């Protein structure tokens, strides 16, 4: 996650280093030199980075390092990277889209859709909007609330934990900003229940397919980058929650960043022209696949 943050920082620094006048006359070689200047110091031996630059109506891709050290496979613009918690953006967008269509409301209690929670206590006060904005009061992980729990959280474990959860002054729905992976796992479950569709298929049907993001998958890609392996548990202490298992490529990230932005801008004032926009993705080979 630190490497990914550093990659985005490098892209931002590189963009800032290119004034509008320079961008207007820069050729591809000059742009690549600027990208390399900021990216190269961050590269590690066991990993790499894919960078997309959108400038003057065209998109340039630059790739560094290896996707598979053993097979010496280089990273390409179609290599798949683990988005980590950036995957939460897709879940939030699914919710926002459903609200805009009148299919759900931000003030709907999550227990309306995850009906087992109607048997709980304080969990019944939490709304979909609070889950999406990290204001639900739920802890970052279930283990923080019940450290005595051992092993994975399967659905019955997760529901039991949520029904037993009690708010306190430091964890009050709608009152505090608390980064919560728990909340997004629950949001994912609520969306699946509302539309009676697995979250991976829901994301594909409503977001990635309409945007042409053919190599973005959740939760885990197979060798052909289009299949999904159902997670054996909602949560394992040694692995990230489902909201952090989304994979995508630099080419897809470019589509998400600017096509989705264009959709939102169609209802607002025209944007100011900028010299260039950048996105970067970094990873270690263990979390990289190649789209096919």
Protein backbone atom coordinates (compact mmCIF):
# COMPACT_ATOMS: atom_id res chain seq x y z
CA UNK A 1 0.00 0.00 0.00
CA UNK A 2 2.91 2.34 0.76
CA UNK A 3 4.39 1.61 -2.67
CA UNK A 4 1.08 2.40 -4.36
CA UNK A 5 0.80 5.67 -2.46
CA UNK A 6 4.34 6.53 -3.46
CA UNK A 7 3.52 5.83 -7.09
CA UNK A 8 0.58 8.18 -7.05
CA UNK A 9 2.74 10.79 -5.32
CA UNK A 10 5.35 10.40 -8.02
CA UNK A 11 2.74 10.92 -10.71
CA UNK A 12 1.48 14.06 -9.02
CA UNK A 13 5.01 15.43 -8.68
CA UNK A 14 5.73 14.69 -12.31
CA UNK A 15 2.52 16.42 -13.39
CA UNK A 16 3.42 19.45 -11.30
CA UNK A 17 6.84 19.51 -12.93
CA UNK A 18 5.26 19.90 -16.38
CA UNK A 19 3.79 23.39 -16.93
CA UNK A 20 1.06 23.89 -19.51
CA UNK A 21 3.40 25.42 -22.06
CA UNK A 22 5.81 22.49 -21.76
CA UNK A 23 3.03 19.94 -21.97
CA UNK A 24 1.71 21.49 -25.15
CA UNK A 25 5.00 20.97 -26.97
CA UNK A 26 6.35 17.90 -25.19
CA UNK A 27 6.84 14.82 -27.34
CA UNK A 28 6.49 11.28 -26.07
CA UNK A 29 10.19 10.96 -25.31
CA UNK A 30 10.21 14.06 -23.13
CA UNK A 31 7.17 12.86 -21.22
CA UNK A 32 8.74 9.45 -20.65
CA UNK A 33 11.87 11.12 -19.28
CA UNK A 34 9.81 13.12 -16.79
CA UNK A 35 7.90 10.02 -15.68
CA UNK A 36 11.09 7.97 -15.33
CA UNK A 37 12.76 10.72 -13.30
CA UNK A 38 10.09 10.48 -10.61
CA UNK A 39 9.28 6.77 -10.82
CA UNK A 40 12.74 5.19 -11.04
CA UNK A 41 13.82 6.00 -7.45
CA UNK A 42 10.73 4.21 -6.10
CA UNK A 43 11.18 0.94 -7.94
CA UNK A 44 12.13 -2.14 -5.93
CA UNK A 45 13.87 -5.26 -7.20
CA UNK A 46 10.87 -7.54 -6.61
CA UNK A 47 8.09 -5.58 -8.27
CA UNK A 48 7.33 -2.77 -10.66
CA UNK A 49 4.97 -0.07 -11.75
CA UNK A 50 2.59 0.80 -14.59
CA UNK A 51 1.92 4.48 -15.37
CA UNK A 52 -0.75 6.07 -17.56
CA UNK A 53 -0.49 9.68 -18.69
CA UNK A 54 -3.42 11.44 -20.37
CA UNK A 55 -2.26 14.59 -22.15
CA UNK A 56 -3.52 16.65 -25.08
CA UNK A 57 -6.25 14.14 -25.88
CA UNK A 58 -4.01 11.08 -25.95
CA UNK A 59 -2.96 8.48 -23.41
CA UNK A 60 0.60 7.26 -22.99
CA UNK A 61 1.57 4.14 -21.03
CA UNK A 62 4.93 3.49 -19.38
CA UNK A 63 5.84 0.24 -17.64
CA UNK A 64 8.70 -0.68 -15.34
CA UNK A 65 9.83 -3.89 -13.66
CA UNK A 66 8.64 -7.49 -13.69
CA UNK A 67 5.19 -8.97 -13.08
CA UNK A 68 6.65 -12.43 -12.49
CA UNK A 69 10.23 -12.69 -11.26
CA UNK A 70 10.52 -16.45 -11.81
CA UNK A 71 9.35 -16.33 -15.42
CA UNK A 72 10.88 -12.91 -16.12
CA UNK A 73 7.56 -11.57 -17.37
CA UNK A 74 7.60 -7.78 -17.68
CA UNK A 75 4.84 -5.56 -16.40
CA UNK A 76 2.60 -4.29 -19.19
CA UNK A 77 -0.29 -1.85 -19.36
CA UNK A 78 -2.62 -4.86 -19.05
CA UNK A 79 -0.97 -6.45 -16.00
CA UNK A 80 -3.39 -6.75 -13.11
CA UNK A 81 -2.62 -5.01 -9.82
CA UNK A 82 -4.26 -5.33 -6.43
CA UNK A 83 -6.01 -2.01 -5.79
CA UNK A 84 -6.10 -2.62 -2.04
CA UNK A 85 -8.53 -0.18 -0.40
CA UNK A 86 -8.97 1.79 -3.62
CA UNK A 87 -11.48 -0.97 -4.37
CA UNK A 88 -13.79 0.74 -1.89
CA UNK A 89 -14.34 3.43 -4.54
CA UNK A 90 -16.16 0.88 -6.69
CA UNK A 91 -18.49 -0.10 -3.85
CA UNK A 92 -19.22 3.55 -3.04
CA UNK A 93 -19.94 4.23 -6.70
CA UNK A 94 -22.33 1.27 -6.88
CA UNK A 95 -24.17 2.74 -3.89
CA UNK A 96 -24.25 6.25 -5.35
CA UNK A 97 -25.58 4.91 -8.64
CA UNK A 98 -28.32 2.96 -6.86
CA UNK A 99 -29.29 6.07 -4.88
CA UNK A 100 -29.46 8.15 -8.06
CA UNK A 101 -31.74 5.54 -9.63
CA UNK A 102 -34.03 5.50 -6.59
CA UNK A 103 -33.23 1.88 -5.79
CA UNK A 104 -31.91 2.59 -2.29
CA UNK A 105 -31.50 5.61 -0.03
CA UNK A 106 -28.44 6.72 1.91
CA UNK A 107 -30.58 6.86 5.06
CA UNK A 108 -31.75 3.26 4.68
CA UNK A 109 -30.65 1.18 7.67
CA UNK A 110 -28.35 -1.62 6.60
CA UNK A 111 -30.61 -4.02 8.50
CA UNK A 112 -33.28 -3.36 5.86
CA UNK A 113 -31.23 -5.44 3.42
CA UNK A 114 -29.15 -7.67 5.71
CA UNK A 115 -32.25 -8.80 7.57
CA UNK A 116 -30.42 -10.97 10.10
CA UNK A 117 -29.28 -7.70 11.68
CA UNK A 118 -32.84 -6.86 12.68
CA UNK A 119 -32.21 -9.16 15.64
CA UNK A 120 -29.27 -7.03 16.79
CA UNK A 121 -28.97 -3.90 18.89
CA UNK A 122 -26.99 -0.81 17.90
CA UNK A 123 -26.22 -2.23 14.47
CA UNK A 124 -29.83 -1.42 13.49
CA UNK A 125 -29.02 2.31 13.74
CA UNK A 126 -26.33 2.22 11.04
CA UNK A 127 -27.26 3.43 7.55
CA UNK A 128 -25.86 2.70 4.10
CA UNK A 129 -24.57 6.25 3.85
CA UNK A 130 -22.66 5.90 7.12
CA UNK A 131 -21.03 2.70 5.91
CA UNK A 132 -19.83 4.40 2.72
CA UNK A 133 -18.45 7.46 4.53
CA UNK A 134 -16.66 5.70 7.40
CA UNK A 135 -19.04 7.23 9.94
CA UNK A 136 -20.80 4.03 11.05
CA UNK A 137 -18.84 3.76 14.29
CA UNK A 138 -17.78 0.21 13.43
CA UNK A 139 -14.19 -0.70 14.21
CA UNK A 140 -11.60 -1.04 11.47
CA UNK A 141 -11.75 -4.84 11.77
CA UNK A 142 -13.95 -7.22 13.77
CA UNK A 143 -10.87 -8.44 15.67
CA UNK A 144 -10.45 -5.00 17.23
CA UNK A 145 -13.84 -5.38 18.86
CA UNK A 146 -13.53 -9.04 19.81
CA UNK A 147 -9.82 -9.94 20.00
CA UNK A 148 -10.63 -13.32 21.52
CA UNK A 149 -12.08 -14.54 18.21
CA UNK A 150 -9.85 -17.04 16.42
CA UNK A 151 -9.84 -17.98 12.77
CA UNK A 152 -11.78 -16.72 9.78
CA UNK A 153 -15.09 -14.90 9.88
CA UNK A 154 -17.62 -16.85 7.88
CA UNK A 155 -21.03 -15.26 7.34
CA UNK A 156 -22.59 -16.59 10.58
CA UNK A 157 -19.56 -15.32 12.53
CA UNK A 158 -19.79 -11.91 10.91
CA UNK A 159 -23.53 -11.60 11.60
CA UNK A 160 -23.06 -12.72 15.20
CA UNK A 161 -20.35 -10.11 15.72
CA UNK A 162 -22.47 -7.33 14.19
CA UNK A 163 -25.52 -8.22 16.25
CA UNK A 164 -23.43 -8.19 19.43
CA UNK A 165 -21.71 -4.89 18.59
CA UNK A 166 -22.43 -2.05 21.00
CA UNK A 167 -21.80 1.62 20.27
CA UNK A 168 -19.93 3.72 22.82
CA UNK A 169 -18.88 7.35 23.04
CA UNK A 170 -15.92 6.72 20.71
CA UNK A 171 -17.88 4.58 18.25
CA UNK A 172 -21.25 6.23 17.68
CA UNK A 173 -23.07 5.94 14.32
CA UNK A 174 -22.94 9.24 12.46
CA UNK A 175 -20.70 10.94 15.04
CA UNK A 176 -17.09 9.99 14.29
CA UNK A 177 -14.89 9.42 11.26
CA UNK A 178 -13.41 5.95 11.79
CA UNK A 179 -11.78 4.18 8.86
CA UNK A 180 -13.61 0.89 8.75
CA UNK A 181 -12.94 -2.14 6.58
CA UNK A 182 -15.77 -3.76 8.51
CA UNK A 183 -18.19 -1.16 7.21
CA UNK A 184 -17.31 -1.81 3.58
CA UNK A 185 -17.58 -5.56 3.93
CA UNK A 186 -21.07 -4.95 5.33
CA UNK A 187 -21.88 -2.49 2.53
CA UNK A 188 -20.84 -5.10 -0.02
CA UNK A 189 -23.13 -7.63 1.64
CA UNK A 190 -26.04 -5.16 1.69
CA UNK A 191 -25.67 -4.40 -2.02
CA UNK A 192 -25.56 -8.10 -2.83
CA UNK A 193 -28.75 -8.65 -0.84
CA UNK A 194 -30.55 -5.66 -2.36
CA UNK A 195 -29.93 -6.78 -5.94
CA UNK A 196 -29.72 -10.54 -5.30
CA UNK A 197 -26.46 -10.57 -7.24
CA UNK A 198 -22.87 -11.42 -6.22
CA UNK A 199 -20.85 -8.25 -5.81
CA UNK A 200 -18.40 -9.23 -8.57
CA UNK A 201 -21.21 -9.62 -11.12
CA UNK A 202 -22.94 -6.47 -9.89
CA UNK A 203 -19.76 -4.44 -10.32
CA UNK A 204 -19.22 -5.85 -13.80
CA UNK A 205 -22.79 -5.28 -14.97
CA UNK A 206 -23.14 -1.76 -13.61
CA UNK A 207 -19.64 -0.30 -13.73
CA UNK A 208 -16.78 -2.08 -15.43
CA UNK A 209 -18.59 -3.46 -18.50
CA UNK A 210 -20.32 -0.14 -19.39
CA UNK A 211 -16.95 1.62 -19.02
CA UNK A 212 -15.11 -0.97 -21.12
CA UNK A 213 -12.93 -2.04 -18.17
CA UNK A 214 -12.55 -5.62 -19.36
CA UNK A 215 -9.67 -6.59 -17.07
CA UNK A 216 -11.01 -5.22 -13.77
CA UNK A 217 -12.24 -8.03 -11.53
CA UNK A 218 -13.29 -8.77 -7.96
CA UNK A 219 -12.41 -10.52 -5.79
CA UNK A 220 -9.59 -12.59 -7.33
CA UNK A 221 -8.69 -13.11 -11.02
CA UNK A 222 -7.79 -16.49 -12.41
CA UNK A 223 -5.08 -17.04 -15.01
CA UNK A 224 -7.30 -15.63 -17.76
CA UNK A 225 -8.11 -12.57 -15.61
CA UNK A 226 -11.86 -12.87 -16.07
CA UNK A 227 -12.93 -15.60 -13.63
CA UNK A 228 -13.47 -15.18 -9.91
CA UNK A 229 -12.71 -17.57 -7.09
CA UNK A 230 -15.35 -17.23 -4.36
CA UNK A 231 -13.69 -16.31 -1.08
CA UNK A 232 -13.94 -19.17 1.43
CA UNK A 233 -14.69 -16.70 4.19
CA UNK A 234 -15.84 -13.10 4.50
CA UNK A 235 -12.74 -12.30 6.53
CA UNK A 236 -9.45 -13.96 7.37
CA UNK A 237 -7.00 -12.40 9.81
CA UNK A 238 -4.13 -13.07 7.37
CA UNK A 239 -5.83 -11.68 4.25
CA UNK A 240 -7.63 -8.49 3.25
CA UNK A 241 -11.43 -8.17 3.28
CA UNK A 242 -13.36 -8.56 0.04
CA UNK A 243 -13.46 -4.77 -0.43
CA UNK A 244 -9.67 -4.83 -0.85
CA UNK A 245 -9.46 -7.68 -3.36
CA UNK A 246 -10.21 -5.78 -6.55
CA UNK A 247 -7.68 -6.14 -9.38
CA UNK A 248 -7.24 -3.83 -12.34
CA UNK A 249 -4.72 -2.71 -14.96
CA UNK A 250 -3.25 0.68 -15.77
CA UNK A 251 -5.33 0.70 -18.96
CA UNK A 252 -8.51 0.07 -16.98
CA UNK A 253 -7.61 2.61 -14.30
CA UNK A 254 -7.28 5.20 -17.03
CA UNK A 255 -10.78 4.34 -18.27
CA UNK A 256 -12.22 4.52 -14.76
CA UNK A 257 -10.51 7.77 -13.89
CA UNK A 258 -11.58 9.73 -16.95
CA UNK A 259 -14.70 8.05 -18.28
CA UNK A 260 -16.41 8.04 -14.89
CA UNK A 261 -15.29 11.63 -14.35
CA UNK A 262 -16.73 12.57 -17.74
CA UNK A 263 -20.07 11.05 -16.76
CA UNK A 264 -20.23 13.09 -13.57
CA UNK A 265 -19.14 16.24 -15.38
CA UNK A 266 -21.95 15.92 -17.88
CA UNK A 267 -24.21 17.30 -15.17
CA UNK A 268 -21.90 20.12 -14.10
CA UNK A 269 -19.88 23.02 -15.46
CA UNK A 270 -17.19 22.25 -18.07
CA UNK A 271 -13.82 21.46 -16.44
CA UNK A 272 -10.83 23.71 -16.75
CA UNK A 273 -8.20 22.39 -19.12
CA UNK A 274 -5.17 20.89 -17.43
CA UNK A 275 -1.85 20.05 -19.10
CA UNK A 276 -1.99 16.38 -18.21
CA UNK A 277 -3.45 13.79 -15.86
CA UNK A 278 -1.58 10.89 -14.38
CA UNK A 279 -2.33 7.62 -12.69
CA UNK A 280 0.13 5.03 -11.49
CA UNK A 281 -0.14 1.55 -10.06
CA UNK A 282 2.61 -0.28 -8.21
CA UNK A 283 2.83 -3.75 -6.74
CA UNK A 284 4.98 -6.71 -5.93
CA UNK A 285 4.95 -9.69 -8.30
CA UNK A 286 2.93 -11.79 -5.87
CA UNK A 287 -0.16 -9.65 -6.45
CA UNK A 288 0.27 -9.13 -10.20
CA UNK A 289 -1.36 -11.02 -13.05
CA UNK A 290 -1.54 -10.38 -16.77
CA UNK A 291 -4.87 -9.72 -18.41
CA UNK A 292 -5.74 -11.97 -21.27
